[in-house]
């Protein structure tokens, strides 16, 4: 059940639906947000154990509202139309929207919520990163310790920004995720930044020896390695062959399509249901 503070806030949002506000509940209980002339809501994609298929958390995505739960990914369109201040506003709106839509569902209990921090926010925000979001979570009595804030891939010249932002988020009690472009960069980030999570693109070539070295290093530092964007069964089988029963995690359209409701069903990640396979081509372009 949602926390009493969140439940009270949800009641308030429902009472204000249709009013002139940027955040409200629809008739299905989903929180919606307004940005420019777009209505946004949340979709969640599971993150699964690569060996057992068990769900350990979900990543939140902003979607345009659609009654059939198949809204479009409009983030890039909206972000490109916004200036820095408007982009920060969009990022913060989506973050609180995802937190409300996630924690209002009983299945969120003990699950991690992964939220992306977009590139422009890193340089545009001054002062204490994460403080405003932490304050909102505290008011709503939501568990910030289960939230992983994902930082984007960076260039060598942005290393100081990454260090500054990650330190600020940690001081506010959040866990840190970082996207890496290669296994070598992931190893360097584990050593220098010590993130809680490192994400790698599963479509990039992975050498079995270096990948297992990465997993050993991650285990030693208490970090988690996630292979994202799994859209091809051959790629998943290749990971399984190279990594065996090692402790790693997977995410992608091959396994799960993002949707509003949380699905805690445990399933083998070796194959995706036929219906998801049919929707893969349509969905891959919009995520």
Protein backbone atom coordinates (compact mmCIF):
# COMPACT_ATOMS: atom_id res chain seq x y z
CA UNK A 1 0.00 0.00 0.00
CA UNK A 2 1.19 3.58 -0.64
CA UNK A 3 2.52 5.54 2.30
CA UNK A 4 -0.13 7.58 4.17
CA UNK A 5 1.45 10.80 2.91
CA UNK A 6 1.42 9.58 -0.69
CA UNK A 7 -2.16 8.34 -0.31
CA UNK A 8 -3.22 11.76 0.93
CA UNK A 9 -1.45 13.43 -1.98
CA UNK A 10 -3.05 11.02 -4.48
CA UNK A 11 -6.46 11.94 -3.10
CA UNK A 12 -5.59 15.60 -3.58
CA UNK A 13 -4.48 14.97 -7.17
CA UNK A 14 -7.70 13.11 -7.93
CA UNK A 15 -9.78 15.94 -6.51
CA UNK A 16 -7.97 18.44 -8.75
CA UNK A 17 -8.29 16.49 -12.02
CA UNK A 18 -9.40 18.74 -14.81
CA UNK A 19 -8.28 21.82 -12.91
CA UNK A 20 -5.56 24.15 -14.11
CA UNK A 21 -2.61 22.14 -12.80
CA UNK A 22 0.50 20.44 -14.17
CA UNK A 23 -0.13 17.19 -12.26
CA UNK A 24 -3.35 15.24 -11.69
CA UNK A 25 -4.82 11.71 -11.54
CA UNK A 26 -6.92 10.23 -14.32
CA UNK A 27 -9.92 7.94 -13.91
CA UNK A 28 -7.63 4.87 -13.83
CA UNK A 29 -5.56 6.28 -10.97
CA UNK A 30 -2.50 7.11 -13.07
CA UNK A 31 -0.74 10.40 -12.49
CA UNK A 32 -0.52 12.59 -15.56
CA UNK A 33 1.58 15.67 -16.15
CA UNK A 34 1.22 18.60 -18.51
CA UNK A 35 4.19 20.03 -20.37
CA UNK A 36 3.66 22.61 -23.11
CA UNK A 37 0.63 21.16 -24.94
CA UNK A 38 1.47 17.52 -24.20
CA UNK A 39 -0.02 15.20 -21.59
CA UNK A 40 2.57 12.83 -20.15
CA UNK A 41 2.40 9.74 -18.01
CA UNK A 42 4.73 6.90 -17.00
CA UNK A 43 5.67 3.52 -18.42
CA UNK A 44 7.92 1.06 -16.61
CA UNK A 45 10.26 -1.58 -18.04
CA UNK A 46 11.52 -4.40 -15.79
CA UNK A 47 15.17 -5.07 -15.09
CA UNK A 48 15.76 -8.79 -14.65
CA UNK A 49 18.42 -11.12 -13.34
CA UNK A 50 20.33 -12.57 -16.27
CA UNK A 51 20.41 -16.02 -14.69
CA UNK A 52 16.99 -16.41 -13.03
CA UNK A 53 14.83 -13.86 -14.84
CA UNK A 54 13.56 -12.45 -11.54
CA UNK A 55 12.61 -8.77 -11.59
CA UNK A 56 14.75 -6.57 -9.36
CA UNK A 57 13.55 -3.15 -10.45
CA UNK A 58 12.01 -0.98 -13.15
CA UNK A 59 13.12 1.92 -15.29
CA UNK A 60 10.65 4.77 -15.69
CA UNK A 61 9.98 6.32 -19.10
CA UNK A 62 7.93 9.38 -20.03
CA UNK A 63 5.18 8.61 -22.53
CA UNK A 64 2.43 10.64 -24.10
CA UNK A 65 -0.88 9.63 -22.60
CA UNK A 66 -2.80 6.93 -24.50
CA UNK A 67 -5.81 4.97 -23.29
CA UNK A 68 -4.36 1.72 -24.70
CA UNK A 69 -1.09 2.10 -22.72
CA UNK A 70 0.86 2.52 -25.97
CA UNK A 71 1.81 6.20 -25.74
CA UNK A 72 4.72 7.58 -27.71
CA UNK A 73 8.17 8.48 -26.42
CA UNK A 74 8.04 12.26 -26.82
CA UNK A 75 11.01 13.15 -24.61
CA UNK A 76 13.45 13.97 -27.42
CA UNK A 77 10.87 16.06 -29.26
CA UNK A 78 9.97 18.06 -26.16
CA UNK A 79 13.55 18.40 -24.96
CA UNK A 80 14.77 19.71 -28.30
CA UNK A 81 12.02 22.33 -28.27
CA UNK A 82 12.96 23.53 -24.78
CA UNK A 83 15.61 25.88 -23.50
CA UNK A 84 17.80 24.91 -20.52
CA UNK A 85 15.33 26.06 -17.86
CA UNK A 86 12.40 24.38 -19.60
CA UNK A 87 14.43 21.19 -19.99
CA UNK A 88 15.17 21.17 -16.26
CA UNK A 89 11.44 21.65 -15.58
CA UNK A 90 10.61 18.71 -17.87
CA UNK A 91 13.19 16.48 -16.20
CA UNK A 92 11.87 17.27 -12.72
CA UNK A 93 8.24 16.83 -13.78
CA UNK A 94 9.00 13.38 -15.20
CA UNK A 95 10.95 12.35 -12.12
CA UNK A 96 8.14 13.10 -9.68
CA UNK A 97 5.56 11.72 -12.13
CA UNK A 98 7.41 8.39 -12.28
CA UNK A 99 7.87 8.26 -8.49
CA UNK A 100 4.13 8.78 -7.90
CA UNK A 101 3.07 6.26 -10.57
CA UNK A 102 5.58 3.72 -9.30
CA UNK A 103 4.98 3.89 -5.56
CA UNK A 104 1.20 4.07 -5.81
CA UNK A 105 1.34 0.41 -6.93
CA UNK A 106 1.70 -2.31 -4.25
CA UNK A 107 4.06 -4.27 -6.54
CA UNK A 108 6.69 -1.54 -6.06
CA UNK A 109 7.44 -2.83 -2.55
CA UNK A 110 11.19 -3.55 -2.19
CA UNK A 111 11.74 -2.88 -5.91
CA UNK A 112 14.27 -0.39 -7.28
CA UNK A 113 13.19 2.53 -9.46
CA UNK A 114 15.64 3.70 -12.13
CA UNK A 115 15.27 7.32 -13.26
CA UNK A 116 17.35 8.99 -15.96
CA UNK A 117 19.12 12.28 -15.36
CA UNK A 118 19.35 13.91 -18.76
CA UNK A 119 22.49 15.53 -20.14
CA UNK A 120 21.41 19.16 -20.04
CA UNK A 121 20.50 18.87 -16.38
CA UNK A 122 24.08 18.02 -15.43
CA UNK A 123 25.52 21.34 -16.55
CA UNK A 124 22.46 23.58 -16.17
CA UNK A 125 21.66 22.96 -12.51
CA UNK A 126 23.60 24.96 -9.96
CA UNK A 127 24.06 24.05 -6.31
CA UNK A 128 22.95 20.84 -4.67
CA UNK A 129 21.83 18.25 -7.23
CA UNK A 130 19.04 16.03 -5.94
CA UNK A 131 18.11 18.15 -2.92
CA UNK A 132 14.74 19.32 -4.31
CA UNK A 133 13.76 15.80 -5.39
CA UNK A 134 14.82 14.33 -2.04
CA UNK A 135 12.67 16.93 -0.24
CA UNK A 136 9.59 15.91 -2.26
CA UNK A 137 10.21 12.22 -1.60
CA UNK A 138 10.55 12.89 2.13
CA UNK A 139 7.26 14.82 2.19
CA UNK A 140 5.51 11.92 0.44
CA UNK A 141 7.34 9.38 2.66
CA UNK A 142 8.83 7.55 -0.33
CA UNK A 143 12.02 5.44 -0.03
CA UNK A 144 14.79 7.39 -1.76
CA UNK A 145 17.22 4.56 -0.98
CA UNK A 146 15.48 2.43 -3.62
CA UNK A 147 15.90 5.06 -6.35
CA UNK A 148 18.81 4.81 -8.79
CA UNK A 149 19.55 8.06 -10.62
CA UNK A 150 21.09 7.17 -13.97
CA UNK A 151 23.69 9.54 -15.38
CA UNK A 152 24.31 9.66 -19.15
CA UNK A 153 27.47 8.69 -20.99
CA UNK A 154 30.07 11.42 -20.71
CA UNK A 155 33.03 12.67 -22.71
CA UNK A 156 36.51 12.94 -21.14
CA UNK A 157 36.02 16.71 -20.71
CA UNK A 158 32.89 16.09 -18.61
CA UNK A 159 34.60 13.95 -15.97
CA UNK A 160 34.54 16.74 -13.38
CA UNK A 161 30.79 17.21 -13.96
CA UNK A 162 30.19 13.51 -13.38
CA UNK A 163 32.18 13.56 -10.13
CA UNK A 164 30.40 16.69 -8.87
CA UNK A 165 26.89 15.48 -9.71
CA UNK A 166 27.35 11.94 -8.44
CA UNK A 167 28.77 13.22 -5.12
CA UNK A 168 25.77 15.54 -4.70
CA UNK A 169 23.25 12.80 -5.40
CA UNK A 170 24.99 10.48 -2.96
CA UNK A 171 24.93 13.11 -0.23
CA UNK A 172 21.18 13.30 -0.73
CA UNK A 173 20.86 9.54 -0.22
CA UNK A 174 20.37 8.37 -3.79
CA UNK A 175 22.09 5.49 -5.51
CA UNK A 176 24.02 6.24 -8.71
CA UNK A 177 23.86 4.54 -12.09
CA UNK A 178 26.21 5.35 -14.98
CA UNK A 179 25.99 4.46 -18.66
CA UNK A 180 29.25 3.21 -20.17
CA UNK A 181 30.12 2.99 -23.85
CA UNK A 182 32.40 -0.05 -23.43
CA UNK A 183 33.59 -2.63 -20.94
CA UNK A 184 36.89 -0.75 -20.62
CA UNK A 185 35.09 2.47 -19.72
CA UNK A 186 32.88 0.55 -17.29
CA UNK A 187 35.98 -0.79 -15.51
CA UNK A 188 37.42 2.73 -15.30
CA UNK A 189 34.16 4.11 -13.88
CA UNK A 190 33.98 1.35 -11.28
CA UNK A 191 37.45 2.29 -10.11
CA UNK A 192 37.05 6.08 -10.20
CA UNK A 193 33.37 6.79 -9.42
CA UNK A 194 32.28 3.55 -7.74
CA UNK A 195 28.68 3.71 -8.97
CA UNK A 196 25.98 1.38 -7.67
CA UNK A 197 25.03 0.44 -11.24
CA UNK A 198 26.79 0.44 -14.62
CA UNK A 199 24.77 -0.02 -17.81
CA UNK A 200 26.20 -1.34 -21.07
CA UNK A 201 24.56 -1.61 -24.48
CA UNK A 202 23.99 -5.32 -25.11
CA UNK A 203 24.31 -4.75 -28.87
CA UNK A 204 27.98 -3.77 -28.57
CA UNK A 205 30.59 -6.54 -28.89
CA UNK A 206 31.45 -8.14 -25.55
CA UNK A 207 34.54 -10.24 -24.97
CA UNK A 208 33.92 -13.07 -22.52
CA UNK A 209 37.20 -12.60 -20.63
CA UNK A 210 36.88 -8.83 -20.14
CA UNK A 211 33.16 -9.04 -19.40
CA UNK A 212 33.74 -11.57 -16.64
CA UNK A 213 36.59 -9.42 -15.29
CA UNK A 214 34.08 -6.56 -15.16
CA UNK A 215 31.58 -8.68 -13.25
CA UNK A 216 34.26 -9.73 -10.75
CA UNK A 217 35.25 -6.10 -10.21
CA UNK A 218 31.60 -5.10 -9.81
CA UNK A 219 31.07 -7.82 -7.21
CA UNK A 220 34.12 -6.60 -5.31
CA UNK A 221 32.78 -3.04 -5.17
CA UNK A 222 29.14 -3.99 -4.56
CA UNK A 223 28.03 -2.69 -7.97
CA UNK A 224 25.51 -4.08 -10.43
CA UNK A 225 26.10 -4.56 -14.18
CA UNK A 226 23.07 -4.25 -16.49
CA UNK A 227 23.07 -5.07 -20.19
CA UNK A 228 20.41 -2.84 -21.74
CA UNK A 229 18.64 -2.63 -25.12
CA UNK A 230 18.25 -6.37 -25.58
CA UNK A 231 16.19 -6.61 -28.75
CA UNK A 232 17.59 -9.76 -30.31
CA UNK A 233 17.40 -13.33 -29.00
CA UNK A 234 20.84 -14.11 -30.46
CA UNK A 235 22.39 -11.28 -28.42
CA UNK A 236 20.79 -12.61 -25.26
CA UNK A 237 22.00 -16.14 -26.00
CA UNK A 238 25.51 -14.80 -26.62
CA UNK A 239 25.47 -13.10 -23.22
CA UNK A 240 24.25 -16.29 -21.58
CA UNK A 241 26.98 -18.31 -23.26
CA UNK A 242 29.73 -15.86 -22.24
CA UNK A 243 28.60 -15.05 -18.72
CA UNK A 244 26.94 -18.28 -17.61
CA UNK A 245 25.58 -18.09 -14.06
CA UNK A 246 27.44 -14.88 -13.19
CA UNK A 247 25.59 -12.14 -11.34
CA UNK A 248 24.44 -9.73 -14.05
CA UNK A 249 21.16 -8.13 -15.14
CA UNK A 250 19.35 -7.56 -18.43
CA UNK A 251 16.77 -5.16 -19.85
CA UNK A 252 15.15 -4.71 -23.24
CA UNK A 253 12.18 -5.06 -25.58
CA UNK A 254 13.01 -8.70 -26.21
CA UNK A 255 11.97 -9.40 -22.61
CA UNK A 256 9.47 -6.70 -21.67
CA UNK A 257 7.66 -3.76 -23.25
CA UNK A 258 7.32 -0.68 -21.02
CA UNK A 259 3.81 -0.32 -19.60
CA UNK A 260 1.96 1.57 -16.90
CA UNK A 261 1.40 -1.36 -14.53
CA UNK A 262 4.14 -3.24 -12.74
CA UNK A 263 4.49 -6.92 -13.55
CA UNK A 264 6.29 -8.92 -10.89
CA UNK A 265 5.87 -12.27 -12.64
CA UNK A 266 9.08 -14.25 -12.63
CA UNK A 267 10.09 -15.56 -16.04
CA UNK A 268 13.11 -16.96 -17.82
CA UNK A 269 14.86 -14.24 -19.85
CA UNK A 270 15.86 -16.69 -22.58
CA UNK A 271 12.86 -15.96 -24.78
CA UNK A 272 10.13 -13.35 -25.09
CA UNK A 273 6.39 -14.00 -25.49
CA UNK A 274 5.24 -14.04 -29.15
CA UNK A 275 3.12 -10.92 -28.65
CA UNK A 276 6.18 -8.99 -27.52
CA UNK A 277 8.19 -10.28 -30.45
CA UNK A 278 5.48 -8.97 -32.82
CA UNK A 279 5.55 -5.54 -31.19
CA UNK A 280 9.35 -5.31 -31.06
CA UNK A 281 9.85 -3.59 -34.37
CA UNK A 282 7.18 -0.96 -33.67
CA UNK A 283 8.45 -0.24 -30.17
CA UNK A 284 12.20 -0.17 -30.75
CA UNK A 285 12.07 3.06 -32.68
CA UNK A 286 10.25 4.97 -29.95
CA UNK A 287 12.19 4.11 -26.78
